[in-house]
Amino acid sequence: MNVEASQDTGMIEVGAARDGPFAAYRAVPASGRGPGIVLASEMFGVTAAMKLAADGFAARGFPTYVPNLFWRYEPAGVLGYEGEDRATAFARLERFDTDDAVADVRTTATALRKEASCDGRVVALGFCVGGRIAGAAAVEGAVDAAVGLYGLGVSRYGERLATLKTPLQLHYGLNDQHVPAEEIEAVRRLAAGNPNVDVHLYPGAGHSFANPMRPTYDKAAAELAIDRALAFLSARG
C-alpha cells in the first residue's frame, strides 16, 4: 500500500454518541475527495497497525476515521497482542456489544461526512471483530457499503445476508485459526445468489493476514484483499 501522499492525521473526539463522546484516529488526504472509511478495529483497539492501515487508505484518497469502539469498557484503551493483554482483550470481547458498536459506527460516519475530503459516501471496513461490526453495519444500514476481513461471526445474521441490499465484501483466509471453515461455508451459503455480497477466499492465509505487525501477515494476500476492497468501495460505496 502506497503511503507516500501527504495527509493530515491525529486523534480527535467524535461527539453525540448514545452514551457520550469517544476518541477516533483521523487520517485524511491532503487533497481530493473520495468515499470515507470508518475503520472498525481488531479486538486490541486503535493499535499502531490500525493507524497504519488508516494512513494507507488516506494516502490512496480515502478519508478514514478509526473509532475507539471499546470506550465503554474497562480497560478502554489499546491492548498488546500477547501475554496478559491478549487474555484481557479476549475477556473484553466477551462483554462486547455489537449493537453499541454499530451505533458508534453510525455516529462516526456522520462526523466523517463533514470532512472536506469525503464525497458524502461512507463505508465500514473492519478487521477481526471489526469485520463482524462492518457486516453488522451493512445489515443495519448504518453505512453505504462494508468490507470485512476475517470477521468473527458474520453468519449470525443468517437470512439477512441472503436479502442484504447494502453492498458487502468479505475476505477469509482458509488457514484461519479463529474463523472455522464451518463459519466461512455458512457465510458463502447464505450469500449465494445475492449480487450485493461478495466473498473472497485466500488459500494458505491465516487470521490477521492483513496485519503487518502479526506473525501471520501474508503480504500477497493482504495486498490483494486491500486492492479488492478499495476497488469495491470506489465502485459501490
Protein backbone atom coordinates (compact mmCIF):
# COMPACT_ATOMS: atom_id res chain seq x y z
CA MET A 1 0.00 0.00 0.00
CA ASN A 2 1.40 3.37 -1.04
CA VAL A 3 1.57 5.76 1.92
CA GLU A 4 3.66 8.49 0.30
CA ALA A 5 0.87 11.01 -0.25
CA SER A 6 0.63 13.94 2.14
CA GLN A 7 -2.06 13.52 4.81
CA ASP A 8 -3.45 15.04 7.98
CA THR A 9 -3.52 12.62 10.92
CA GLY A 10 -4.17 12.64 14.66
CA MET A 11 -6.63 11.83 17.42
CA ILE A 12 -9.99 13.62 17.52
CA GLU A 13 -13.16 13.41 19.60
CA VAL A 14 -16.36 12.17 18.00
CA GLY A 15 -19.43 13.56 19.75
CA ALA A 16 -23.13 12.86 20.12
CA ALA A 17 -22.82 9.15 20.77
CA ARG A 18 -25.58 7.37 22.65
CA ASP A 19 -23.63 7.43 25.92
CA GLY A 20 -21.16 10.24 25.34
CA PRO A 21 -18.21 11.30 23.13
CA PHE A 22 -15.37 8.96 22.20
CA ALA A 23 -11.97 9.19 20.54
CA ALA A 24 -11.06 8.31 16.97
CA TYR A 25 -7.88 8.34 14.93
CA ARG A 26 -8.26 10.60 11.90
CA ALA A 27 -6.31 10.22 8.65
CA VAL A 28 -7.42 12.29 5.66
CA PRO A 29 -5.82 13.03 2.28
CA ALA A 30 -4.28 16.43 1.72
CA SER A 31 -6.30 16.95 -1.45
CA GLY A 32 -9.08 15.39 -3.47
CA ARG A 33 -12.34 13.76 -2.41
CA GLY A 34 -13.48 10.18 -2.09
CA PRO A 35 -15.60 7.79 -0.05
CA GLY A 36 -14.91 7.94 3.68
CA ILE A 37 -13.92 4.81 5.61
CA VAL A 38 -14.92 4.03 9.18
CA LEU A 39 -12.27 1.52 10.13
CA ALA A 40 -13.54 -0.94 12.75
CA SER A 41 -10.52 -2.25 14.58
CA GLU A 42 -9.40 -5.68 15.68
CA MET A 43 -10.12 -6.60 19.30
CA PHE A 44 -6.94 -4.90 20.54
CA GLY A 45 -8.27 -1.42 19.77
CA VAL A 46 -6.79 1.52 17.87
CA THR A 47 -3.37 -0.04 17.59
CA ALA A 48 -0.38 1.14 15.57
CA ALA A 49 -1.39 -1.36 12.88
CA MET A 50 -4.87 0.14 12.62
CA LYS A 51 -3.41 3.65 12.36
CA LEU A 52 -1.01 2.43 9.68
CA ALA A 53 -3.94 0.99 7.72
CA ALA A 54 -5.84 4.28 8.05
CA ASP A 55 -2.79 6.21 6.84
CA GLY A 56 -2.58 3.91 3.84
CA PHE A 57 -6.22 4.42 2.94
CA ALA A 58 -5.86 8.19 3.27
CA ALA A 59 -2.80 8.12 1.03
CA ARG A 60 -4.95 6.46 -1.62
CA GLY A 61 -7.65 9.11 -1.36
CA PHE A 62 -10.00 7.69 1.27
CA PRO A 63 -10.51 9.85 4.38
CA THR A 64 -10.52 7.42 7.30
CA TYR A 65 -11.59 7.50 10.95
CA VAL A 66 -10.71 4.69 13.37
CA PRO A 67 -13.09 5.00 16.35
CA ASN A 68 -12.26 3.51 19.73
CA LEU A 69 -15.11 1.00 19.84
CA PHE A 70 -14.06 -0.17 23.31
CA TRP A 71 -14.53 3.16 25.08
CA ARG A 72 -17.45 1.83 27.14
CA TYR A 73 -15.35 -0.97 28.64
CA GLU A 74 -12.61 -1.35 31.21
CA PRO A 75 -9.87 -1.27 30.13
CA ALA A 76 -10.90 1.13 27.39
CA GLY A 77 -7.55 1.59 25.67
CA VAL A 78 -5.19 -0.24 23.34
CA LEU A 79 -4.03 -3.72 24.38
CA GLY A 80 -0.96 -5.67 23.32
CA TYR A 81 -1.10 -8.77 21.16
CA GLU A 82 0.49 -11.17 23.66
CA GLY A 83 0.57 -12.17 27.34
CA GLU A 84 -1.84 -10.69 29.84
CA ASP A 85 -3.01 -8.06 27.38
CA ARG A 86 -4.13 -10.76 24.96
CA ALA A 87 -6.12 -12.51 27.67
CA THR A 88 -7.64 -9.17 28.68
CA ALA A 89 -8.60 -8.47 25.06
CA PHE A 90 -10.46 -11.79 24.85
CA ALA A 91 -12.21 -11.10 28.18
CA ARG A 92 -13.22 -7.64 26.96
CA LEU A 93 -14.51 -9.15 23.74
CA GLU A 94 -16.82 -11.46 25.70
CA ARG A 95 -18.54 -8.36 27.13
CA PHE A 96 -18.59 -6.53 23.82
CA ASP A 97 -21.95 -5.35 22.47
CA THR A 98 -22.15 -5.29 18.67
CA ASP A 99 -25.26 -3.10 18.68
CA ASP A 100 -23.37 -0.41 20.64
CA ALA A 101 -20.50 -0.69 18.16
CA VAL A 102 -22.83 -0.25 15.18
CA ALA A 103 -24.27 2.84 16.86
CA ASP A 104 -20.73 4.19 17.20
CA VAL A 105 -20.00 3.40 13.54
CA ARG A 106 -23.12 5.36 12.58
CA THR A 107 -22.05 8.30 14.76
CA THR A 108 -18.53 8.20 13.28
CA ALA A 109 -19.94 8.08 9.75
CA THR A 110 -21.97 11.21 10.44
CA ALA A 111 -18.84 13.04 11.59
CA LEU A 112 -16.78 11.73 8.67
CA ARG A 113 -19.28 13.02 6.10
CA LYS A 114 -18.42 16.56 7.25
CA GLU A 115 -14.80 16.19 6.12
CA ALA A 116 -13.99 18.26 3.04
CA SER A 117 -12.23 15.22 1.56
CA CYS A 118 -15.32 12.98 1.94
CA ASP A 119 -17.60 12.87 -1.09
CA GLY A 120 -20.63 12.04 1.07
CA ARG A 121 -20.35 8.27 0.85
CA VAL A 122 -19.15 6.39 3.93
CA VAL A 123 -18.24 2.74 4.16
CA ALA A 124 -17.25 0.49 7.05
CA LEU A 125 -14.12 -1.64 6.79
CA GLY A 126 -13.20 -3.94 9.64
CA PHE A 127 -10.58 -6.42 10.76
CA CYS A 128 -11.26 -9.42 13.04
CA VAL A 129 -14.16 -8.46 15.34
CA GLY A 130 -14.23 -5.26 13.30
CA GLY A 131 -15.11 -7.41 10.30
CA ARG A 132 -18.21 -8.58 12.12
CA ILE A 133 -19.03 -4.98 13.05
CA ALA A 134 -18.65 -3.93 9.41
CA GLY A 135 -21.05 -6.70 8.41
CA ALA A 136 -23.50 -5.65 11.11
CA ALA A 137 -23.25 -2.02 9.98
CA ALA A 138 -24.20 -3.14 6.47
CA VAL A 139 -27.11 -5.23 7.75
CA GLU A 140 -28.39 -2.33 9.86
CA GLY A 141 -27.99 0.23 7.08
CA ALA A 142 -25.51 2.32 9.07
CA VAL A 143 -23.17 2.81 6.08
CA ASP A 144 -23.32 2.84 2.29
CA ALA A 145 -21.19 -0.30 1.88
CA ALA A 146 -18.94 -2.51 4.01
CA VAL A 147 -15.90 -4.77 3.89
CA GLY A 148 -14.97 -7.37 6.50
CA LEU A 149 -11.58 -9.04 6.72
CA TYR A 150 -11.52 -12.33 8.67
CA GLY A 151 -14.64 -11.23 10.54
CA LEU A 152 -15.75 -13.30 13.52
CA GLY A 153 -19.38 -14.44 13.49
CA VAL A 154 -20.81 -12.84 10.35
CA SER A 155 -23.01 -15.91 9.81
CA ARG A 156 -25.09 -14.87 12.85
CA TYR A 157 -27.02 -12.55 10.53
CA GLY A 158 -28.45 -15.59 8.78
CA GLU A 159 -31.03 -14.99 6.08
CA ARG A 160 -30.48 -11.24 6.32
CA LEU A 161 -27.29 -11.85 4.32
CA ALA A 162 -29.32 -13.54 1.61
CA THR A 163 -31.51 -10.46 1.14
CA LEU A 164 -28.99 -7.74 2.02
CA LYS A 165 -29.22 -4.62 -0.16
CA THR A 166 -26.14 -2.82 1.17
CA PRO A 167 -23.02 -3.91 -0.74
CA LEU A 168 -20.83 -6.14 1.44
CA GLN A 169 -17.47 -7.74 0.64
CA LEU A 170 -15.93 -10.40 2.89
CA HIS A 171 -12.38 -11.81 2.96
CA TYR A 172 -11.29 -15.04 4.66
CA GLY A 173 -8.01 -16.90 4.95
CA LEU A 174 -8.55 -20.63 4.62
CA ASN A 175 -5.98 -21.35 7.36
CA ASP A 176 -7.65 -19.04 9.88
CA GLN A 177 -7.29 -20.44 13.40
CA HIS A 178 -10.13 -18.29 14.78
CA VAL A 179 -12.72 -18.37 12.00
CA PRO A 180 -13.63 -22.03 11.42
CA ALA A 181 -14.27 -23.46 7.98
CA GLU A 182 -17.89 -24.08 9.00
CA GLU A 183 -18.38 -20.35 9.59
CA ILE A 184 -16.90 -19.45 6.21
CA GLU A 185 -19.01 -22.05 4.43
CA ALA A 186 -22.15 -20.84 6.23
CA VAL A 187 -21.48 -17.27 5.07
CA ARG A 188 -20.90 -18.44 1.50
CA ARG A 189 -24.10 -20.46 1.54
CA LEU A 190 -26.16 -17.59 2.92
CA ALA A 191 -24.70 -15.11 0.44
CA ALA A 192 -25.03 -17.37 -2.61
CA GLY A 193 -27.19 -15.74 -5.24
CA ASN A 194 -27.07 -12.28 -3.66
CA PRO A 195 -25.12 -9.99 -6.01
CA ASN A 196 -24.66 -7.49 -3.18
CA VAL A 197 -22.48 -9.87 -1.13
CA ASP A 198 -19.02 -10.69 -2.43
CA VAL A 199 -16.87 -13.36 -0.71
CA HIS A 200 -13.14 -13.87 -1.37
CA LEU A 201 -11.03 -16.76 -0.06
CA TYR A 202 -7.24 -16.85 0.41
CA PRO A 203 -5.68 -20.33 0.45
CA GLY A 204 -2.88 -20.66 3.00
CA ALA A 205 -3.67 -17.35 4.73
CA GLY A 206 -4.33 -17.33 8.47
CA HIS A 207 -6.05 -14.95 10.86
CA SER A 208 -4.75 -11.36 10.81
CA PHE A 209 -3.22 -11.98 7.38
CA ALA A 210 -3.56 -8.26 6.58
CA ASN A 211 -1.80 -7.01 9.72
CA PRO A 212 1.93 -6.43 9.03
CA MET A 213 2.65 -6.45 12.78
CA ARG A 214 1.41 -10.02 13.28
CA PRO A 215 3.34 -13.25 12.57
CA THR A 216 0.50 -14.46 10.32
CA TYR A 217 0.90 -11.50 7.96
CA ASP A 218 0.67 -12.61 4.33
CA LYS A 219 1.87 -9.76 2.11
CA ALA A 220 0.47 -11.12 -1.14
CA ALA A 221 -2.94 -11.95 0.33
CA ALA A 222 -3.07 -8.64 2.20
CA GLU A 223 -2.28 -6.51 -0.83
CA LEU A 224 -4.78 -8.42 -2.98
CA ALA A 225 -7.51 -8.10 -0.33
CA ILE A 226 -6.95 -4.36 0.17
CA ASP A 227 -6.85 -3.71 -3.58
CA ARG A 228 -10.10 -5.65 -3.98
CA ALA A 229 -11.67 -3.81 -1.05
CA LEU A 230 -10.81 -0.33 -2.28
CA ALA A 231 -11.92 -1.13 -5.84
CA PHE A 232 -15.19 -2.44 -4.43
CA LEU A 233 -15.69 0.63 -2.25
CA SER A 234 -14.86 3.01 -5.09
CA ALA A 235 -17.37 1.32 -7.38
CA ARG A 236 -20.17 0.62 -4.93
CA GLY A 237 -19.70 2.83 -1.91
